[in-house]
Amino acid sequence: MSRKVKVDVPTKDGEGTVEVTVKVDDNGFVTYSHKGKGTPDPELLARALEPWNIDVK
């Protein structure tokens, strides 16, 4: 079953947050995109997705 999750994640530089949309397809393949200025912090993104059991590492 495919899923789509949106989370707000702080940026790498700590200057703000970006909205990250994470999609998991039927095969478990994970893709994500983000809106906003900056790059999402990968460690904080992984932590934000733990409640949905999505692993982006």
N, C-alpha and C. Protein backbone atom coordinates (compact mmCIF):
# COMPACT_ATOMS: atom_id res chain seq x y z
N MET A 1 0.83 -1.18 0.00
CA MET A 1 0.00 0.00 0.00
C MET A 1 0.89 1.25 0.00
N SER A 2 0.65 2.16 -0.91
CA SER A 2 1.45 3.37 -0.97
C SER A 2 0.97 4.38 0.08
N ARG A 3 1.90 5.20 0.53
CA ARG A 3 1.58 6.20 1.55
C ARG A 3 2.22 7.53 1.18
N LYS A 4 1.65 8.59 1.72
CA LYS A 4 2.20 9.93 1.52
C LYS A 4 2.12 10.66 2.86
N VAL A 5 3.24 11.22 3.29
CA VAL A 5 3.31 11.90 4.58
C VAL A 5 3.95 13.27 4.38
N LYS A 6 3.41 14.29 5.05
CA LYS A 6 4.01 15.63 5.02
C LYS A 6 4.47 15.98 6.43
N VAL A 7 5.71 16.43 6.55
CA VAL A 7 6.26 16.85 7.84
C VAL A 7 7.07 18.14 7.66
N ASP A 8 7.11 18.95 8.69
CA ASP A 8 7.97 20.13 8.70
C ASP A 8 9.28 19.75 9.37
N VAL A 9 10.39 20.04 8.72
CA VAL A 9 11.71 19.64 9.21
C VAL A 9 12.63 20.86 9.20
N PRO A 10 13.41 21.04 10.29
CA PRO A 10 14.39 22.13 10.28
C PRO A 10 15.42 21.95 9.16
N THR A 11 15.95 23.06 8.69
CA THR A 11 16.96 23.01 7.64
C THR A 11 18.33 22.67 8.22
N LYS A 12 19.24 22.24 7.32
CA LYS A 12 20.60 21.89 7.73
C LYS A 12 21.30 23.05 8.43
N ASP A 13 21.09 24.26 7.91
CA ASP A 13 21.78 25.42 8.48
C ASP A 13 21.08 26.00 9.71
N GLY A 14 19.92 25.44 10.06
CA GLY A 14 19.19 25.89 11.24
C GLY A 14 18.49 27.23 11.07
N GLU A 15 18.38 27.71 9.85
CA GLU A 15 17.79 29.01 9.58
C GLU A 15 16.26 28.99 9.52
N GLY A 16 15.65 27.83 9.43
CA GLY A 16 14.20 27.76 9.31
C GLY A 16 13.75 26.33 9.15
N THR A 17 12.54 26.17 8.60
CA THR A 17 12.01 24.83 8.35
C THR A 17 11.53 24.73 6.91
N VAL A 18 11.45 23.51 6.42
CA VAL A 18 10.90 23.25 5.10
C VAL A 18 9.84 22.16 5.23
N GLU A 19 8.85 22.19 4.35
CA GLU A 19 7.82 21.16 4.32
C GLU A 19 8.31 20.03 3.42
N VAL A 20 8.41 18.84 3.98
CA VAL A 20 8.90 17.68 3.24
C VAL A 20 7.73 16.74 2.98
N THR A 21 7.54 16.35 1.72
CA THR A 21 6.53 15.37 1.34
C THR A 21 7.25 14.07 1.03
N VAL A 22 6.90 13.02 1.76
CA VAL A 22 7.54 11.71 1.59
C VAL A 22 6.51 10.75 1.03
N LYS A 23 6.89 10.06 -0.05
CA LYS A 23 6.01 9.07 -0.67
C LYS A 23 6.67 7.70 -0.59
N VAL A 24 5.88 6.71 -0.19
CA VAL A 24 6.35 5.32 -0.15
C VAL A 24 5.45 4.54 -1.11
N ASP A 25 6.04 3.92 -2.14
CA ASP A 25 5.22 3.18 -3.10
C ASP A 25 4.93 1.77 -2.60
N ASP A 26 4.20 1.00 -3.40
CA ASP A 26 3.79 -0.35 -3.02
C ASP A 26 4.96 -1.29 -2.77
N ASN A 27 6.11 -1.00 -3.37
CA ASN A 27 7.30 -1.84 -3.19
C ASN A 27 8.18 -1.38 -2.04
N GLY A 28 7.77 -0.32 -1.33
CA GLY A 28 8.55 0.18 -0.21
C GLY A 28 9.61 1.19 -0.61
N PHE A 29 9.61 1.61 -1.89
CA PHE A 29 10.59 2.59 -2.37
C PHE A 29 10.20 3.98 -1.86
N VAL A 30 11.13 4.69 -1.24
CA VAL A 30 10.86 5.99 -0.63
C VAL A 30 11.43 7.11 -1.49
N THR A 31 10.60 8.12 -1.77
CA THR A 31 11.07 9.33 -2.44
C THR A 31 10.57 10.52 -1.62
N TYR A 32 11.31 11.61 -1.68
CA TYR A 32 10.81 12.80 -0.99
C TYR A 32 11.20 14.06 -1.73
N SER A 33 10.41 15.08 -1.51
CA SER A 33 10.67 16.40 -2.08
C SER A 33 10.38 17.42 -0.99
N HIS A 34 10.90 18.63 -1.15
CA HIS A 34 10.65 19.64 -0.13
C HIS A 34 10.32 20.99 -0.73
N LYS A 35 9.53 21.77 0.04
CA LYS A 35 9.15 23.12 -0.33
C LYS A 35 9.75 24.06 0.69
N GLY A 36 10.26 25.15 0.24
CA GLY A 36 10.82 26.13 1.16
C GLY A 36 12.28 26.40 0.84
N LYS A 37 12.84 27.32 1.58
CA LYS A 37 14.22 27.73 1.36
C LYS A 37 15.14 26.89 2.22
N GLY A 38 16.12 26.27 1.61
CA GLY A 38 17.08 25.46 2.35
C GLY A 38 16.91 23.98 2.09
N THR A 39 17.77 23.20 2.74
CA THR A 39 17.78 21.74 2.59
C THR A 39 17.41 21.12 3.93
N PRO A 40 16.48 20.14 3.93
CA PRO A 40 16.11 19.52 5.20
C PRO A 40 17.28 18.76 5.83
N ASP A 41 17.37 18.83 7.15
CA ASP A 41 18.40 18.10 7.88
C ASP A 41 18.05 16.61 7.83
N PRO A 42 18.91 15.76 7.23
CA PRO A 42 18.57 14.35 7.04
C PRO A 42 18.33 13.59 8.35
N GLU A 43 19.08 13.93 9.38
CA GLU A 43 18.91 13.24 10.67
C GLU A 43 17.56 13.59 11.30
N LEU A 44 17.20 14.86 11.23
CA LEU A 44 15.92 15.29 11.79
C LEU A 44 14.75 14.79 10.95
N LEU A 45 14.95 14.67 9.64
CA LEU A 45 13.92 14.10 8.78
C LEU A 45 13.66 12.65 9.16
N ALA A 46 14.72 11.89 9.36
CA ALA A 46 14.57 10.48 9.75
C ALA A 46 13.81 10.37 11.07
N ARG A 47 14.13 11.23 12.03
CA ARG A 47 13.43 11.21 13.32
C ARG A 47 11.97 11.59 13.18
N ALA A 48 11.67 12.55 12.31
CA ALA A 48 10.29 13.00 12.12
C ALA A 48 9.42 11.92 11.50
N LEU A 49 10.04 10.99 10.75
CA LEU A 49 9.28 9.95 10.07
C LEU A 49 9.16 8.66 10.87
N GLU A 50 9.83 8.57 12.02
CA GLU A 50 9.77 7.36 12.84
C GLU A 50 8.35 6.93 13.21
N PRO A 51 7.44 7.85 13.57
CA PRO A 51 6.08 7.41 13.92
C PRO A 51 5.35 6.67 12.80
N TRP A 52 5.76 6.89 11.56
CA TRP A 52 5.14 6.21 10.41
C TRP A 52 5.94 4.99 9.96
N ASN A 53 6.99 4.66 10.68
CA ASN A 53 7.86 3.54 10.33
C ASN A 53 8.43 3.68 8.93
N ILE A 54 8.85 4.89 8.58
CA ILE A 54 9.47 5.15 7.28
C ILE A 54 10.95 5.40 7.52
N ASP A 55 11.79 4.64 6.84
CA ASP A 55 13.24 4.76 7.01
C ASP A 55 13.84 5.43 5.78
N VAL A 56 14.44 6.60 5.96
CA VAL A 56 15.04 7.32 4.84
C VAL A 56 16.55 7.33 4.91
N LYS A 57 17.13 6.50 5.74
CA LYS A 57 18.59 6.47 5.89
C LYS A 57 19.25 5.69 4.79
